[in-house]
């Protein structure tokens, strides 16, 4: 017995616990570029585009009217063409329209109706054709026939709804071309300064998918923390944290978007808050590890935590659709030290 080495303390055992944790997601809506938002139902993106205004003067449209300015004579026939354009936000390379509608308001400041003379001779009426394009692609078209419709005169206005569909590109933008074919008209005092104006209310285009640039590595896009996800650690007694040496969250990240960046995982709950940095890879699937000290785990264990992500991401020519998410599956691994009572 004298030769035996008798321990002065009870044996200690190290055990590694693997605790499955809930999966969470990071929605694409949390890092959309400037000029792009998502609708209330998260079914379409909204891309801001300025209105397109086309203003034509009688003098520019009707060359034969110039020498008649100020005279009261039958209005000469003419064909006038005008156009205007607007561009997509710089961050959007291309966008696929989701069954949208363009509102075009026509305000006729002429002292006559250019497509429907009062005294119609042998059905001699005019027409207005509005063509909406992105580059060479026609995305919408509308026509007003003087036989069945009128524009009115002296400031009268009408609004037309034009269905638009197709792909809008940054290079092509949105171009509106208006052609007015006006037949010989009623006697009227010619005023070449009078105008007819077309305003295409583009506003926020509804987009089913978009190709965007999410900043650059030198100027990335900021991630806006969305609704928090729940990470329930209440099933692990907080008292166990006293026996925990260290731990880690092992994250498996599924990234269908191809974005990369620097993120911070923010845990908040009854015990306080813990924040840990992680690197987001552009790979379709990647892993990362969040290391926790004993102090961190004392804050986390025994509580239901709320998890949000903040930080920045970047990526060029990223194709996104509403509802897309980065999926994060986590597993908590902790090292527990126990003391035998034997």
C-alpha atoms as a PDB file:
ATOM      1  CA  UNK A   1       0.000   0.000   0.000  1.00  0.00           C
ATOM      2  CA  UNK A   2       2.878   2.343   0.765  1.00  0.00           C
ATOM      3  CA  UNK A   3       4.153   1.769  -2.786  1.00  0.00           C
ATOM      4  CA  UNK A   4       0.817   2.546  -4.367  1.00  0.00           C
ATOM      5  CA  UNK A   5       0.203   5.955  -5.917  1.00  0.00           C
ATOM      6  CA  UNK A   6      -3.170   6.952  -4.484  1.00  0.00           C
ATOM      7  CA  UNK A   7      -4.872   9.831  -6.371  1.00  0.00           C
ATOM      8  CA  UNK A   8      -5.616  12.886  -4.279  1.00  0.00           C
ATOM      9  CA  UNK A   9      -8.847  13.641  -6.222  1.00  0.00           C
ATOM     10  CA  UNK A  10     -11.650  11.750  -7.943  1.00  0.00           C
ATOM     11  CA  UNK A  11     -11.103  10.785 -11.609  1.00  0.00           C
ATOM     12  CA  UNK A  12     -12.164  13.270 -14.304  1.00  0.00           C
ATOM     13  CA  UNK A  13     -13.707  12.283 -17.622  1.00  0.00           C
ATOM     14  CA  UNK A  14     -13.854  14.317 -20.824  1.00  0.00           C
ATOM     15  CA  UNK A  15     -16.859  13.693 -23.077  1.00  0.00           C
ATOM     16  CA  UNK A  16     -17.808  15.247 -26.389  1.00  0.00           C
ATOM     17  CA  UNK A  17     -21.518  15.900 -26.891  1.00  0.00           C
ATOM     18  CA  UNK A  18     -22.992  16.399 -30.350  1.00  0.00           C
ATOM     19  CA  UNK A  19     -26.309  18.230 -30.178  1.00  0.00           C
ATOM     20  CA  UNK A  20     -28.400  18.647 -33.344  1.00  0.00           C
ATOM     21  CA  UNK A  21     -29.675  22.198 -33.760  1.00  0.00           C
ATOM     22  CA  UNK A  22     -32.391  23.739 -35.897  1.00  0.00           C
ATOM     23  CA  UNK A  23     -31.750  24.873 -39.439  1.00  0.00           C
ATOM     24  CA  UNK A  24     -32.100  28.521 -40.354  1.00  0.00           C
ATOM     25  CA  UNK A  25     -32.170  30.543 -43.573  1.00  0.00           C
ATOM     26  CA  UNK A  26     -30.970  33.864 -44.906  1.00  0.00           C
ATOM     27  CA  UNK A  27     -33.491  35.208 -47.442  1.00  0.00           C
ATOM     28  CA  UNK A  28     -32.306  36.941 -50.622  1.00  0.00           C
ATOM     29  CA  UNK A  29     -34.465  39.940 -49.668  1.00  0.00           C
ATOM     30  CA  UNK A  30     -31.988  40.756 -46.877  1.00  0.00           C
ATOM     31  CA  UNK A  31     -29.238  41.792 -49.294  1.00  0.00           C
ATOM     32  CA  UNK A  32     -30.914  43.198 -52.394  1.00  0.00           C
ATOM     33  CA  UNK A  33     -28.955  45.920 -54.221  1.00  0.00           C
ATOM     34  CA  UNK A  34     -30.008  49.568 -54.395  1.00  0.00           C
ATOM     35  CA  UNK A  35     -33.120  50.095 -56.531  1.00  0.00           C
ATOM     36  CA  UNK A  36     -34.462  46.582 -55.983  1.00  0.00           C
ATOM     37  CA  UNK A  37     -37.000  45.576 -53.326  1.00  0.00           C
ATOM     38  CA  UNK A  38     -39.508  42.753 -52.864  1.00  0.00           C
ATOM     39  CA  UNK A  39     -43.300  42.943 -52.894  1.00  0.00           C
ATOM     40  CA  UNK A  40     -45.485  42.257 -49.867  1.00  0.00           C
ATOM     41  CA  UNK A  41     -46.089  38.631 -50.791  1.00  0.00           C
ATOM     42  CA  UNK A  42     -42.406  37.927 -51.560  1.00  0.00           C
ATOM     43  CA  UNK A  43     -43.521  36.729 -55.006  1.00  0.00           C
ATOM     44  CA  UNK A  44     -41.810  39.358 -57.169  1.00  0.00           C
ATOM     45  CA  UNK A  45     -38.997  41.876 -57.045  1.00  0.00           C
ATOM     46  CA  UNK A  46     -39.764  45.547 -57.579  1.00  0.00           C
ATOM     47  CA  UNK A  47     -37.251  47.451 -59.720  1.00  0.00           C
ATOM     48  CA  UNK A  48     -37.489  51.235 -59.678  1.00  0.00           C
ATOM     49  CA  UNK A  49     -37.580  52.884 -63.109  1.00  0.00           C
ATOM     50  CA  UNK A  50     -38.283  56.559 -63.776  1.00  0.00           C
ATOM     51  CA  UNK A  51     -41.328  57.593 -65.804  1.00  0.00           C
ATOM     52  CA  UNK A  52     -40.882  58.124 -69.540  1.00  0.00           C
ATOM     53  CA  UNK A  53     -42.240  61.392 -70.973  1.00  0.00           C
ATOM     54  CA  UNK A  54     -42.666  62.040 -74.699  1.00  0.00           C
ATOM     55  CA  UNK A  55     -43.662  65.602 -75.677  1.00  0.00           C
ATOM     56  CA  UNK A  56     -44.322  66.563 -79.299  1.00  0.00           C
ATOM     57  CA  UNK A  57     -45.048  70.056 -80.603  1.00  0.00           C
ATOM     58  CA  UNK A  58     -47.350  70.705 -83.542  1.00  0.00           C
ATOM     59  CA  UNK A  59     -44.534  72.583 -85.284  1.00  0.00           C
ATOM     60  CA  UNK A  60     -42.170  69.604 -85.038  1.00  0.00           C
ATOM     61  CA  UNK A  61     -44.831  67.058 -86.052  1.00  0.00           C
ATOM     62  CA  UNK A  62     -46.428  69.019 -88.867  1.00  0.00           C
ATOM     63  CA  UNK A  63     -43.973  70.643 -91.252  1.00  0.00           C
ATOM     64  CA  UNK A  64     -46.855  71.925 -93.383  1.00  0.00           C
ATOM     65  CA  UNK A  65     -48.266  73.793 -90.362  1.00  0.00           C
ATOM     66  CA  UNK A  66     -45.252  76.125 -89.929  1.00  0.00           C
ATOM     67  CA  UNK A  67     -46.166  78.580 -92.736  1.00  0.00           C
ATOM     68  CA  UNK A  68     -49.804  78.500 -91.548  1.00  0.00           C
ATOM     69  CA  UNK A  69     -49.045  79.517 -87.961  1.00  0.00           C
ATOM     70  CA  UNK A  70     -51.699  81.918 -86.713  1.00  0.00           C
ATOM     71  CA  UNK A  71     -54.054  81.262 -89.612  1.00  0.00           C
ATOM     72  CA  UNK A  72     -57.463  79.598 -89.360  1.00  0.00           C
ATOM     73  CA  UNK A  73     -57.392  76.903 -92.001  1.00  0.00           C
ATOM     74  CA  UNK A  74     -58.135  73.170 -92.289  1.00  0.00           C
ATOM     75  CA  UNK A  75     -55.428  71.435 -90.322  1.00  0.00           C
ATOM     76  CA  UNK A  76     -52.953  69.698 -92.707  1.00  0.00           C
ATOM     77  CA  UNK A  77     -52.373  65.940 -92.470  1.00  0.00           C
ATOM     78  CA  UNK A  78     -49.158  64.872 -90.733  1.00  0.00           C
ATOM     79  CA  UNK A  79     -47.340  61.940 -89.132  1.00  0.00           C
ATOM     80  CA  UNK A  80     -45.416  62.747 -85.963  1.00  0.00           C
ATOM     81  CA  UNK A  81     -42.978  60.470 -84.119  1.00  0.00           C
ATOM     82  CA  UNK A  82     -41.531  61.002 -80.652  1.00  0.00           C
ATOM     83  CA  UNK A  83     -39.680  58.859 -78.140  1.00  0.00           C
ATOM     84  CA  UNK A  84     -38.310  58.828 -74.615  1.00  0.00           C
ATOM     85  CA  UNK A  85     -36.450  56.365 -72.432  1.00  0.00           C
ATOM     86  CA  UNK A  86     -35.555  55.356 -68.915  1.00  0.00           C
ATOM     87  CA  UNK A  87     -32.912  53.059 -67.486  1.00  0.00           C
ATOM     88  CA  UNK A  88     -32.723  50.248 -64.944  1.00  0.00           C
ATOM     89  CA  UNK A  89     -30.746  50.768 -61.721  1.00  0.00           C
ATOM     90  CA  UNK A  90     -27.010  50.371 -62.333  1.00  0.00           C
ATOM     91  CA  UNK A  91     -26.933  47.260 -60.129  1.00  0.00           C
ATOM     92  CA  UNK A  92     -29.405  45.384 -62.367  1.00  0.00           C
ATOM     93  CA  UNK A  93     -28.018  43.806 -65.544  1.00  0.00           C
ATOM     94  CA  UNK A  94     -31.284  42.253 -66.755  1.00  0.00           C
ATOM     95  CA  UNK A  95     -34.763  41.607 -65.414  1.00  0.00           C
ATOM     96  CA  UNK A  96     -37.619  39.344 -66.502  1.00  0.00           C
ATOM     97  CA  UNK A  97     -40.990  41.080 -66.239  1.00  0.00           C
ATOM     98  CA  UNK A  98     -43.697  39.312 -64.238  1.00  0.00           C
ATOM     99  CA  UNK A  99     -46.874  40.136 -66.195  1.00  0.00           C
ATOM    100  CA  UNK A 100     -46.714  43.884 -65.549  1.00  0.00           C
ATOM    101  CA  UNK A 101     -48.787  46.758 -66.930  1.00  0.00           C
ATOM    102  CA  UNK A 102     -47.623  50.151 -68.152  1.00  0.00           C
ATOM    103  CA  UNK A 103     -49.957  53.151 -67.734  1.00  0.00           C
ATOM    104  CA  UNK A 104     -49.667  55.756 -70.487  1.00  0.00           C
ATOM    105  CA  UNK A 105     -51.506  59.063 -70.033  1.00  0.00           C
ATOM    106  CA  UNK A 106     -52.061  61.114 -73.187  1.00  0.00           C
ATOM    107  CA  UNK A 107     -52.653  64.847 -72.693  1.00  0.00           C
ATOM    108  CA  UNK A 108     -53.646  66.567 -75.934  1.00  0.00           C
ATOM    109  CA  UNK A 109     -52.869  70.275 -75.876  1.00  0.00           C
ATOM    110  CA  UNK A 110     -53.758  70.781 -79.539  1.00  0.00           C
ATOM    111  CA  UNK A 111     -56.844  72.843 -80.351  1.00  0.00           C
ATOM    112  CA  UNK A 112     -58.112  69.846 -82.340  1.00  0.00           C
ATOM    113  CA  UNK A 113     -58.359  66.075 -81.981  1.00  0.00           C
ATOM    114  CA  UNK A 114     -55.500  64.756 -84.161  1.00  0.00           C
ATOM    115  CA  UNK A 115     -57.098  61.354 -84.823  1.00  0.00           C
ATOM    116  CA  UNK A 116     -60.828  62.138 -84.967  1.00  0.00           C
ATOM    117  CA  UNK A 117     -61.838  65.219 -87.001  1.00  0.00           C
ATOM    118  CA  UNK A 118     -65.346  66.521 -86.387  1.00  0.00           C
ATOM    119  CA  UNK A 119     -66.288  66.195 -90.040  1.00  0.00           C
ATOM    120  CA  UNK A 120     -65.048  62.732 -90.934  1.00  0.00           C
ATOM    121  CA  UNK A 121     -64.812  62.296 -94.697  1.00  0.00           C
ATOM    122  CA  UNK A 122     -65.142  58.733 -95.917  1.00  0.00           C
ATOM    123  CA  UNK A 123     -63.880  57.286 -92.639  1.00  0.00           C
ATOM    124  CA  UNK A 124     -60.690  59.338 -92.823  1.00  0.00           C
ATOM    125  CA  UNK A 125     -59.548  59.083 -89.227  1.00  0.00           C
ATOM    126  CA  UNK A 126     -56.127  58.758 -87.666  1.00  0.00           C
ATOM    127  CA  UNK A 127     -54.403  56.606 -85.079  1.00  0.00           C
ATOM    128  CA  UNK A 128     -51.784  56.562 -82.350  1.00  0.00           C
ATOM    129  CA  UNK A 129     -49.383  53.643 -81.885  1.00  0.00           C
ATOM    130  CA  UNK A 130     -47.240  53.302 -78.751  1.00  0.00           C
ATOM    131  CA  UNK A 131     -44.382  50.784 -78.795  1.00  0.00           C
ATOM    132  CA  UNK A 132     -42.434  49.876 -75.648  1.00  0.00           C
ATOM    133  CA  UNK A 133     -39.015  48.285 -76.151  1.00  0.00           C
ATOM    134  CA  UNK A 134     -35.910  47.221 -74.312  1.00  0.00           C
ATOM    135  CA  UNK A 135     -33.170  47.470 -76.877  1.00  0.00           C
ATOM    136  CA  UNK A 136     -34.584  45.820 -80.020  1.00  0.00           C
ATOM    137  CA  UNK A 137     -37.052  43.659 -78.074  1.00  0.00           C
ATOM    138  CA  UNK A 138     -40.696  44.759 -78.056  1.00  0.00           C
ATOM    139  CA  UNK A 139     -42.107  44.301 -74.541  1.00  0.00           C
ATOM    140  CA  UNK A 140     -45.447  46.086 -75.087  1.00  0.00           C
ATOM    141  CA  UNK A 141     -47.587  47.726 -77.756  1.00  0.00           C
ATOM    142  CA  UNK A 142     -50.827  49.728 -77.903  1.00  0.00           C
ATOM    143  CA  UNK A 143     -52.869  51.453 -80.619  1.00  0.00           C
ATOM    144  CA  UNK A 144     -55.694  53.988 -80.513  1.00  0.00           C
ATOM    145  CA  UNK A 145     -57.968  54.001 -83.561  1.00  0.00           C
ATOM    146  CA  UNK A 146     -59.738  57.259 -84.391  1.00  0.00           C
ATOM    147  CA  UNK A 147     -62.717  55.345 -85.757  1.00  0.00           C
ATOM    148  CA  UNK A 148     -63.589  54.057 -82.288  1.00  0.00           C
ATOM    149  CA  UNK A 149     -61.755  56.385 -79.895  1.00  0.00           C
ATOM    150  CA  UNK A 150     -60.991  60.064 -79.441  1.00  0.00           C
ATOM    151  CA  UNK A 151     -58.199  62.022 -77.749  1.00  0.00           C
ATOM    152  CA  UNK A 152     -60.242  65.172 -77.197  1.00  0.00           C
ATOM    153  CA  UNK A 153     -58.607  68.605 -77.434  1.00  0.00           C
ATOM    154  CA  UNK A 154     -57.446  71.677 -75.495  1.00  0.00           C
ATOM    155  CA  UNK A 155     -55.843  69.731 -72.654  1.00  0.00           C
ATOM    156  CA  UNK A 156     -58.094  66.663 -72.569  1.00  0.00           C
ATOM    157  CA  UNK A 157     -56.411  63.466 -71.366  1.00  0.00           C
ATOM    158  CA  UNK A 158     -56.957  59.730 -71.480  1.00  0.00           C
ATOM    159  CA  UNK A 159     -55.023  56.840 -69.886  1.00  0.00           C
ATOM    160  CA  UNK A 160     -54.177  53.593 -71.607  1.00  0.00           C
ATOM    161  CA  UNK A 161     -53.073  50.355 -69.923  1.00  0.00           C
ATOM    162  CA  UNK A 162     -50.399  48.468 -71.872  1.00  0.00           C
ATOM    163  CA  UNK A 163     -49.481  44.886 -70.843  1.00  0.00           C
ATOM    164  CA  UNK A 164     -45.700  44.421 -70.914  1.00  0.00           C
ATOM    165  CA  UNK A 165     -43.715  41.190 -70.764  1.00  0.00           C
ATOM    166  CA  UNK A 166     -40.233  39.967 -71.604  1.00  0.00           C
ATOM    167  CA  UNK A 167     -36.687  40.784 -70.534  1.00  0.00           C
ATOM    168  CA  UNK A 168     -35.497  44.313 -69.792  1.00  0.00           C
ATOM    169  CA  UNK A 169     -31.741  44.875 -69.915  1.00  0.00           C
ATOM    170  CA  UNK A 170     -29.487  47.577 -68.547  1.00  0.00           C
ATOM    171  CA  UNK A 171     -28.153  48.265 -72.035  1.00  0.00           C
ATOM    172  CA  UNK A 172     -31.623  48.580 -73.553  1.00  0.00           C
ATOM    173  CA  UNK A 173     -33.476  50.205 -70.673  1.00  0.00           C
ATOM    174  CA  UNK A 174     -37.105  51.052 -71.395  1.00  0.00           C
ATOM    175  CA  UNK A 175     -37.853  53.057 -74.549  1.00  0.00           C
ATOM    176  CA  UNK A 176     -41.288  54.381 -75.472  1.00  0.00           C
ATOM    177  CA  UNK A 177     -41.921  55.413 -79.088  1.00  0.00           C
ATOM    178  CA  UNK A 178     -45.169  57.162 -80.031  1.00  0.00           C
ATOM    179  CA  UNK A 179     -46.394  57.623 -83.618  1.00  0.00           C
ATOM    180  CA  UNK A 180     -49.347  59.923 -84.336  1.00  0.00           C
ATOM    181  CA  UNK A 181     -50.957  59.673 -87.787  1.00  0.00           C
ATOM    182  CA  UNK A 182     -53.301  62.664 -88.161  1.00  0.00           C
ATOM    183  CA  UNK A 183     -55.497  63.094 -91.293  1.00  0.00           C
ATOM    184  CA  UNK A 184     -56.648  66.356 -92.863  1.00  0.00           C
ATOM    185  CA  UNK A 185     -58.694  68.069 -90.180  1.00  0.00           C
ATOM    186  CA  UNK A 186     -61.282  70.713 -89.451  1.00  0.00           C
ATOM    187  CA  UNK A 187     -60.622  74.444 -89.837  1.00  0.00           C
ATOM    188  CA  UNK A 188     -58.699  75.571 -86.771  1.00  0.00           C
ATOM    189  CA  UNK A 189     -56.329  78.361 -85.796  1.00  0.00           C
ATOM    190  CA  UNK A 190     -52.880  76.855 -86.245  1.00  0.00           C
ATOM    191  CA  UNK A 191     -50.580  77.234 -83.222  1.00  0.00           C
ATOM    192  CA  UNK A 192     -47.294  75.415 -83.789  1.00  0.00           C
ATOM    193  CA  UNK A 193     -46.274  75.819 -80.128  1.00  0.00           C
ATOM    194  CA  UNK A 194     -49.085  73.589 -78.884  1.00  0.00           C
ATOM    195  CA  UNK A 195     -48.074  70.132 -77.635  1.00  0.00           C
ATOM    196  CA  UNK A 196     -49.307  66.614 -77.157  1.00  0.00           C
ATOM    197  CA  UNK A 197     -47.709  64.760 -74.250  1.00  0.00           C
ATOM    198  CA  UNK A 198     -47.427  61.055 -73.422  1.00  0.00           C
ATOM    199  CA  UNK A 199     -46.346  60.023 -69.911  1.00  0.00           C
ATOM    200  CA  UNK A 200     -45.569  56.347 -69.374  1.00  0.00           C
ATOM    201  CA  UNK A 201     -45.791  55.615 -65.657  1.00  0.00           C
ATOM    202  CA  UNK A 202     -43.194  52.920 -65.173  1.00  0.00           C
ATOM    203  CA  UNK A 203     -42.700  53.229 -61.411  1.00  0.00           C
ATOM    204  CA  UNK A 204     -41.730  49.873 -59.900  1.00  0.00           C
ATOM    205  CA  UNK A 205     -41.588  47.092 -62.443  1.00  0.00           C
ATOM    206  CA  UNK A 206     -42.603  43.672 -61.117  1.00  0.00           C
ATOM    207  CA  UNK A 207     -39.785  41.244 -61.826  1.00  0.00           C
ATOM    208  CA  UNK A 208     -39.880  37.432 -61.637  1.00  0.00           C
ATOM    209  CA  UNK A 209     -36.071  37.145 -61.769  1.00  0.00           C
ATOM    210  CA  UNK A 210     -33.139  39.496 -62.094  1.00  0.00           C
ATOM    211  CA  UNK A 211     -29.434  39.409 -62.818  1.00  0.00           C
ATOM    212  CA  UNK A 212     -27.745  41.788 -60.400  1.00  0.00           C
ATOM    213  CA  UNK A 213     -24.384  42.862 -59.095  1.00  0.00           C
ATOM    214  CA  UNK A 214     -24.141  42.832 -55.310  1.00  0.00           C
ATOM    215  CA  UNK A 215     -21.409  45.392 -54.889  1.00  0.00           C
ATOM    216  CA  UNK A 216     -17.738  44.528 -55.205  1.00  0.00           C
ATOM    217  CA  UNK A 217     -15.176  43.176 -52.751  1.00  0.00           C
ATOM    218  CA  UNK A 218     -14.106  46.787 -52.164  1.00  0.00           C
ATOM    219  CA  UNK A 219     -17.665  48.071 -51.797  1.00  0.00           C
ATOM    220  CA  UNK A 220     -19.940  45.154 -50.858  1.00  0.00           C
ATOM    221  CA  UNK A 221     -23.692  45.137 -50.271  1.00  0.00           C
ATOM    222  CA  UNK A 222     -24.839  45.358 -46.665  1.00  0.00           C
ATOM    223  CA  UNK A 223     -26.962  42.515 -45.306  1.00  0.00           C
ATOM    224  CA  UNK A 224     -30.109  43.770 -43.606  1.00  0.00           C
ATOM    225  CA  UNK A 225     -30.987  41.499 -40.652  1.00  0.00           C
ATOM    226  CA  UNK A 226     -34.363  39.924 -41.357  1.00  0.00           C
ATOM    227  CA  UNK A 227     -36.735  38.103 -39.048  1.00  0.00           C
ATOM    228  CA  UNK A 228     -34.777  36.103 -36.443  1.00  0.00           C
ATOM    229  CA  UNK A 229     -34.666  32.311 -36.431  1.00  0.00           C
ATOM    230  CA  UNK A 230     -34.978  30.292 -33.247  1.00  0.00           C
ATOM    231  CA  UNK A 231     -32.099  28.149 -31.981  1.00  0.00           C
ATOM    232  CA  UNK A 232     -33.551  26.269 -29.021  1.00  0.00           C
ATOM    233  CA  UNK A 233     -30.863  25.325 -26.482  1.00  0.00           C
ATOM    234  CA  UNK A 234     -33.249  25.315 -23.537  1.00  0.00           C
ATOM    235  CA  UNK A 235     -33.063  21.507 -23.342  1.00  0.00           C
ATOM    236  CA  UNK A 236     -29.457  21.677 -22.154  1.00  0.00           C
ATOM    237  CA  UNK A 237     -29.345  22.756 -18.535  1.00  0.00           C
ATOM    238  CA  UNK A 238     -27.427  25.932 -17.909  1.00  0.00           C
ATOM    239  CA  UNK A 239     -25.735  24.149 -14.989  1.00  0.00           C
ATOM    240  CA  UNK A 240     -23.954  21.908 -17.491  1.00  0.00           C
ATOM    241  CA  UNK A 241     -22.170  24.986 -18.833  1.00  0.00           C
ATOM    242  CA  UNK A 242     -20.034  24.997 -15.668  1.00  0.00           C
ATOM    243  CA  UNK A 243     -18.553  21.682 -16.769  1.00  0.00           C
ATOM    244  CA  UNK A 244     -18.070  22.679 -20.408  1.00  0.00           C
ATOM    245  CA  UNK A 245     -14.536  23.430 -21.490  1.00  0.00           C
ATOM    246  CA  UNK A 246     -15.400  24.731 -24.925  1.00  0.00           C
ATOM    247  CA  UNK A 247     -17.716  24.136 -27.843  1.00  0.00           C
ATOM    248  CA  UNK A 248     -18.465  24.964 -31.444  1.00  0.00           C
ATOM    249  CA  UNK A 249     -21.295  25.312 -33.904  1.00  0.00           C
ATOM    250  CA  UNK A 250     -20.461  23.341 -37.037  1.00  0.00           C
ATOM    251  CA  UNK A 251     -22.347  25.014 -39.894  1.00  0.00           C
ATOM    252  CA  UNK A 252     -23.234  23.510 -43.256  1.00  0.00           C
ATOM    253  CA  UNK A 253     -24.223  26.292 -45.666  1.00  0.00           C
ATOM    254  CA  UNK A 254     -26.155  25.697 -48.893  1.00  0.00           C
ATOM    255  CA  UNK A 255     -25.683  28.713 -51.143  1.00  0.00           C
ATOM    256  CA  UNK A 256     -27.626  28.624 -54.455  1.00  0.00           C
ATOM    257  CA  UNK A 257     -26.892  32.300 -55.134  1.00  0.00           C
ATOM    258  CA  UNK A 258     -23.137  32.239 -55.550  1.00  0.00           C
ATOM    259  CA  UNK A 259     -22.590  35.252 -53.268  1.00  0.00           C
ATOM    260  CA  UNK A 260     -19.632  35.550 -50.924  1.00  0.00           C
ATOM    261  CA  UNK A 261     -18.994  37.750 -47.940  1.00  0.00           C
ATOM    262  CA  UNK A 262     -18.219  38.334 -44.299  1.00  0.00           C
ATOM    263  CA  UNK A 263     -21.104  37.713 -41.923  1.00  0.00           C
ATOM    264  CA  UNK A 264     -21.720  37.872 -38.209  1.00  0.00           C
ATOM    265  CA  UNK A 265     -24.024  35.393 -36.473  1.00  0.00           C
ATOM    266  CA  UNK A 266     -25.807  37.174 -33.632  1.00  0.00           C
ATOM    267  CA  UNK A 267     -27.332  35.055 -30.839  1.00  0.00           C
ATOM    268  CA  UNK A 268     -29.652  36.809 -28.378  1.00  0.00           C
ATOM    269  CA  UNK A 269     -31.656  35.209 -25.607  1.00  0.00           C
ATOM    270  CA  UNK A 270     -32.357  35.027 -21.891  1.00  0.00           C
ATOM    271  CA  UNK A 271     -28.706  34.695 -20.961  1.00  0.00           C
ATOM    272  CA  UNK A 272     -27.470  37.669 -22.970  1.00  0.00           C
ATOM    273  CA  UNK A 273     -25.956  37.938 -26.441  1.00  0.00           C
ATOM    274  CA  UNK A 274     -23.051  36.347 -28.313  1.00  0.00           C
ATOM    275  CA  UNK A 275     -21.749  37.344 -31.758  1.00  0.00           C
ATOM    276  CA  UNK A 276     -19.383  35.310 -33.919  1.00  0.00           C
ATOM    277  CA  UNK A 277     -17.832  36.097 -37.308  1.00  0.00           C
ATOM    278  CA  UNK A 278     -18.014  33.666 -40.213  1.00  0.00           C
ATOM    279  CA  UNK A 279     -16.887  33.657 -43.820  1.00  0.00           C
ATOM    280  CA  UNK A 280     -19.534  33.011 -46.476  1.00  0.00           C
ATOM    281  CA  UNK A 281     -18.153  31.045 -49.425  1.00  0.00           C
ATOM    282  CA  UNK A 282     -19.631  31.386 -52.917  1.00  0.00           C
ATOM    283  CA  UNK A 283     -19.540  27.583 -53.258  1.00  0.00           C
ATOM    284  CA  UNK A 284     -22.852  25.758 -53.562  1.00  0.00           C
ATOM    285  CA  UNK A 285     -22.124  23.943 -50.288  1.00  0.00           C
ATOM    286  CA  UNK A 286     -19.566  24.870 -47.655  1.00  0.00           C
ATOM    287  CA  UNK A 287     -18.876  24.455 -43.952  1.00  0.00           C
ATOM    288  CA  UNK A 288     -17.725  26.847 -41.266  1.00  0.00           C
ATOM    289  CA  UNK A 289     -17.156  26.595 -37.526  1.00  0.00           C
ATOM    290  CA  UNK A 290     -18.125  29.055 -34.809  1.00  0.00           C
ATOM    291  CA  UNK A 291     -15.960  28.500 -31.719  1.00  0.00           C
ATOM    292  CA  UNK A 292     -17.421  29.217 -28.273  1.00  0.00           C
ATOM    293  CA  UNK A 293     -15.670  29.687 -24.964  1.00  0.00           C
ATOM    294  CA  UNK A 294     -17.026  28.511 -21.614  1.00  0.00           C
ATOM    295  CA  UNK A 295     -18.288  32.054 -21.029  1.00  0.00           C
ATOM    296  CA  UNK A 296     -20.138  32.021 -24.378  1.00  0.00           C
ATOM    297  CA  UNK A 297     -21.774  28.685 -23.626  1.00  0.00           C
ATOM    298  CA  UNK A 298     -22.835  29.836 -20.174  1.00  0.00           C
ATOM    299  CA  UNK A 299     -24.709  32.624 -21.964  1.00  0.00           C
ATOM    300  CA  UNK A 300     -26.273  30.315 -24.573  1.00  0.00           C
ATOM    301  CA  UNK A 301     -27.095  27.026 -22.883  1.00  0.00           C
ATOM    302  CA  UNK A 302     -30.424  26.685 -21.162  1.00  0.00           C
ATOM    303  CA  UNK A 303     -32.134  29.297 -23.296  1.00  0.00           C
ATOM    304  CA  UNK A 304     -34.038  29.586 -26.544  1.00  0.00           C
ATOM    305  CA  UNK A 305     -31.898  31.849 -28.711  1.00  0.00           C
ATOM    306  CA  UNK A 306     -32.846  34.228 -31.517  1.00  0.00           C
ATOM    307  CA  UNK A 307     -30.362  34.104 -34.407  1.00  0.00           C
ATOM    308  CA  UNK A 308     -29.858  36.853 -36.995  1.00  0.00           C
ATOM    309  CA  UNK A 309     -27.101  37.499 -39.536  1.00  0.00           C
ATOM    310  CA  UNK A 310     -25.474  40.806 -40.400  1.00  0.00           C
ATOM    311  CA  UNK A 311     -22.472  41.766 -42.505  1.00  0.00           C
ATOM    312  CA  UNK A 312     -21.735  42.279 -46.199  1.00  0.00           C
ATOM    313  CA  UNK A 313     -21.857  40.205 -49.392  1.00  0.00           C
ATOM    314  CA  UNK A 314     -20.738  40.681 -52.982  1.00  0.00           C
ATOM    315  CA  UNK A 315     -21.055  38.920 -56.311  1.00  0.00           C
ATOM    316  CA  UNK A 316     -21.154  39.804 -60.006  1.00  0.00           C
ATOM    317  CA  UNK A 317     -23.895  38.713 -62.446  1.00  0.00           C
ATOM    318  CA  UNK A 318     -25.887  36.908 -59.757  1.00  0.00           C
ATOM    319  CA  UNK A 319     -29.284  35.618 -60.937  1.00  0.00           C
ATOM    320  CA  UNK A 320     -31.851  35.857 -58.156  1.00  0.00           C
ATOM    321  CA  UNK A 321     -35.531  34.991 -57.791  1.00  0.00           C
ATOM    322  CA  UNK A 322     -37.970  35.919 -55.007  1.00  0.00           C
ATOM    323  CA  UNK A 323     -37.955  33.562 -52.048  1.00  0.00           C
ATOM    324  CA  UNK A 324     -34.465  32.185 -52.648  1.00  0.00           C
ATOM    325  CA  UNK A 325     -32.560  31.502 -49.445  1.00  0.00           C
ATOM    326  CA  UNK A 326     -29.194  30.535 -48.076  1.00  0.00           C
ATOM    327  CA  UNK A 327     -29.821  27.499 -45.860  1.00  0.00           C
ATOM    328  CA  UNK A 328     -27.723  27.026 -42.733  1.00  0.00           C
ATOM    329  CA  UNK A 329     -27.809  23.701 -40.876  1.00  0.00           C
ATOM    330  CA  UNK A 330     -25.948  23.633 -37.577  1.00  0.00           C
ATOM    331  CA  UNK A 331     -24.706  21.078 -35.083  1.00  0.00           C
ATOM    332  CA  UNK A 332     -23.535  22.028 -31.592  1.00  0.00           C
ATOM    333  CA  UNK A 333     -20.476  20.165 -30.333  1.00  0.00           C
ATOM    334  CA  UNK A 334     -19.406  20.710 -26.718  1.00  0.00           C
ATOM    335  CA  UNK A 335     -16.647  19.212 -24.593  1.00  0.00           C
ATOM    336  CA  UNK A 336     -17.940  18.322 -21.111  1.00  0.00           C
ATOM    337  CA  UNK A 337     -15.694  17.489 -18.178  1.00  0.00           C
ATOM    338  CA  UNK A 338     -17.268  15.275 -15.499  1.00  0.00           C
ATOM    339  CA  UNK A 339     -15.993  14.081 -12.150  1.00  0.00           C
ATOM    340  CA  UNK A 340     -16.567  10.454 -11.126  1.00  0.00           C
ATOM    341  CA  UNK A 341     -18.063   9.904  -7.676  1.00  0.00           C
ATOM    342  CA  UNK A 342     -16.549   6.394  -7.475  1.00  0.00           C
END
